[in-house]
Amino acid sequence: MKRYSAADVISNTFYLDYAEMKDSKYKPWQTDKPVYVVGNDYYCAGKIGTNPAKSTRNGTTEFDWVAIDSWYAEKIGWQVWEHKCK
């Protein structure tokens, strides 16, 4: 069985290059799960039933995550979340 990563799921959701997706990681030391920047928005992914990423700074959540539809993620049992930057 193939193991998936958040970068793999997000890159396939948006038809992006996996290598470029890995390079667009948002401040990895500040979140408990990987967050990636696509355009002007942030995305994270996890298995269905898990929570989206949280900030590890002072225990506060900086993100307002909204689950988005992704046929690819749902097919493999994952969920993708989006945070729109203002």
C-alpha atoms as a PDB file:
ATOM      1  CA  MET A   1       0.000   0.000   0.000  1.00  0.00           C
ATOM      2  CA  LYS A   2       1.335   3.415  -0.970  1.00  0.00           C
ATOM      3  CA  ARG A   3       2.134   5.946   1.750  1.00  0.00           C
ATOM      4  CA  TYR A   4       0.984   9.470   1.032  1.00  0.00           C
ATOM      5  CA  SER A   5       2.230  12.813   2.299  1.00  0.00           C
ATOM      6  CA  ALA A   6       0.436  16.133   2.579  1.00  0.00           C
ATOM      7  CA  ALA A   7       2.641  17.522  -0.211  1.00  0.00           C
ATOM      8  CA  ASP A   8       1.668  14.607  -2.458  1.00  0.00           C
ATOM      9  CA  VAL A   9      -2.060  15.000  -1.783  1.00  0.00           C
ATOM     10  CA  ILE A  10      -2.076  18.793  -2.238  1.00  0.00           C
ATOM     11  CA  SER A  11       0.055  18.687  -5.395  1.00  0.00           C
ATOM     12  CA  ASN A  12      -2.272  16.095  -6.950  1.00  0.00           C
ATOM     13  CA  THR A  13      -5.357  18.062  -5.892  1.00  0.00           C
ATOM     14  CA  PHE A  14      -4.160  21.123  -7.811  1.00  0.00           C
ATOM     15  CA  TYR A  15      -2.217  19.291 -10.554  1.00  0.00           C
ATOM     16  CA  LEU A  16       1.076  20.821  -9.405  1.00  0.00           C
ATOM     17  CA  ASP A  17       4.609  19.476  -9.542  1.00  0.00           C
ATOM     18  CA  TYR A  18       5.460  17.519  -6.377  1.00  0.00           C
ATOM     19  CA  ALA A  19       9.021  18.903  -6.181  1.00  0.00           C
ATOM     20  CA  GLU A  20       7.741  22.483  -6.363  1.00  0.00           C
ATOM     21  CA  MET A  21       5.117  21.721  -3.724  1.00  0.00           C
ATOM     22  CA  LYS A  22       7.769  20.510  -1.290  1.00  0.00           C
ATOM     23  CA  ASP A  23       9.603  23.815  -1.793  1.00  0.00           C
ATOM     24  CA  SER A  24       6.500  25.850  -0.918  1.00  0.00           C
ATOM     25  CA  LYS A  25       6.311  24.666   2.699  1.00  0.00           C
ATOM     26  CA  TYR A  26       5.189  27.392   5.126  1.00  0.00           C
ATOM     27  CA  LYS A  27       7.431  27.898   8.183  1.00  0.00           C
ATOM     28  CA  PRO A  28       7.707  24.230   9.222  1.00  0.00           C
ATOM     29  CA  TRP A  29       8.838  25.094  12.750  1.00  0.00           C
ATOM     30  CA  GLN A  30       5.607  27.018  13.462  1.00  0.00           C
ATOM     31  CA  THR A  31       2.916  24.402  12.758  1.00  0.00           C
ATOM     32  CA  ASP A  32       2.226  20.914  14.075  1.00  0.00           C
ATOM     33  CA  LYS A  33       1.514  19.582  10.541  1.00  0.00           C
ATOM     34  CA  PRO A  34       2.924  20.623   7.160  1.00  0.00           C
ATOM     35  CA  VAL A  35       1.306  23.696   5.596  1.00  0.00           C
ATOM     36  CA  TYR A  36       1.944  24.644   1.960  1.00  0.00           C
ATOM     37  CA  VAL A  37       1.505  27.912   0.077  1.00  0.00           C
ATOM     38  CA  VAL A  38      -0.287  27.769  -3.284  1.00  0.00           C
ATOM     39  CA  GLY A  39      -0.775  31.176  -4.858  1.00  0.00           C
ATOM     40  CA  ASN A  40      -1.795  33.462  -1.999  1.00  0.00           C
ATOM     41  CA  ASP A  41      -3.470  30.818   0.165  1.00  0.00           C
ATOM     42  CA  TYR A  42      -2.360  28.149   2.636  1.00  0.00           C
ATOM     43  CA  TYR A  43      -3.255  24.464   2.417  1.00  0.00           C
ATOM     44  CA  CYS A  44      -2.803  21.443   4.633  1.00  0.00           C
ATOM     45  CA  ALA A  45      -3.941  17.847   4.321  1.00  0.00           C
ATOM     46  CA  GLY A  46      -4.482  14.881   6.593  1.00  0.00           C
ATOM     47  CA  LYS A  47      -6.332  11.625   6.801  1.00  0.00           C
ATOM     48  CA  ILE A  48     -10.100  11.924   7.124  1.00  0.00           C
ATOM     49  CA  GLY A  49     -10.997  12.275  10.796  1.00  0.00           C
ATOM     50  CA  THR A  50      -7.863  14.222  11.756  1.00  0.00           C
ATOM     51  CA  ASN A  51      -7.678  17.937  12.496  1.00  0.00           C
ATOM     52  CA  PRO A  52      -6.002  20.545  10.282  1.00  0.00           C
ATOM     53  CA  ALA A  53      -2.689  22.159  11.230  1.00  0.00           C
ATOM     54  CA  LYS A  54      -2.372  24.419  14.263  1.00  0.00           C
ATOM     55  CA  SER A  55       0.198  27.014  15.116  1.00  0.00           C
ATOM     56  CA  THR A  56       2.767  25.906  17.683  1.00  0.00           C
ATOM     57  CA  ARG A  57       3.432  29.486  18.756  1.00  0.00           C
ATOM     58  CA  ASN A  58       1.851  30.205  22.137  1.00  0.00           C
ATOM     59  CA  GLY A  59      -0.738  27.476  21.557  1.00  0.00           C
ATOM     60  CA  THR A  60      -2.909  29.735  19.419  1.00  0.00           C
ATOM     61  CA  THR A  61      -4.398  28.897  16.049  1.00  0.00           C
ATOM     62  CA  GLU A  62      -3.617  31.461  13.377  1.00  0.00           C
ATOM     63  CA  PHE A  63      -5.534  29.654  10.651  1.00  0.00           C
ATOM     64  CA  ASP A  64      -9.210  29.666   9.738  1.00  0.00           C
ATOM     65  CA  TRP A  65      -9.341  26.313   7.908  1.00  0.00           C
ATOM     66  CA  VAL A  66     -12.156  25.341   5.558  1.00  0.00           C
ATOM     67  CA  ALA A  67     -12.390  21.823   4.122  1.00  0.00           C
ATOM     68  CA  ILE A  68     -12.380  21.813   0.323  1.00  0.00           C
ATOM     69  CA  ASP A  69     -13.592  19.208  -2.142  1.00  0.00           C
ATOM     70  CA  SER A  70     -10.848  17.078  -3.644  1.00  0.00           C
ATOM     71  CA  TRP A  71     -11.773  13.933  -5.533  1.00  0.00           C
ATOM     72  CA  TYR A  72      -8.163  12.730  -5.319  1.00  0.00           C
ATOM     73  CA  ALA A  73      -7.885  13.199  -1.553  1.00  0.00           C
ATOM     74  CA  GLU A  74     -11.268  11.624  -0.850  1.00  0.00           C
ATOM     75  CA  LYS A  75     -10.410   8.633  -3.042  1.00  0.00           C
ATOM     76  CA  ILE A  76      -7.400   7.798  -0.839  1.00  0.00           C
ATOM     77  CA  GLY A  77      -9.049   8.693   2.496  1.00  0.00           C
ATOM     78  CA  TRP A  78      -7.571  12.160   2.968  1.00  0.00           C
ATOM     79  CA  GLN A  79      -8.995  15.673   3.413  1.00  0.00           C
ATOM     80  CA  VAL A  80      -7.546  18.994   2.170  1.00  0.00           C
ATOM     81  CA  TRP A  81      -8.099  22.263   4.067  1.00  0.00           C
ATOM     82  CA  GLU A  82      -7.667  25.819   2.816  1.00  0.00           C
ATOM     83  CA  HIS A  83      -6.937  29.079   4.635  1.00  0.00           C
ATOM     84  CA  LYS A  84      -7.557  32.156   2.516  1.00  0.00           C
ATOM     85  CA  CYS A  85      -5.135  34.990   3.173  1.00  0.00           C
ATOM     86  CA  LYS A  86      -6.669  38.422   3.423  1.00  0.00           C
END
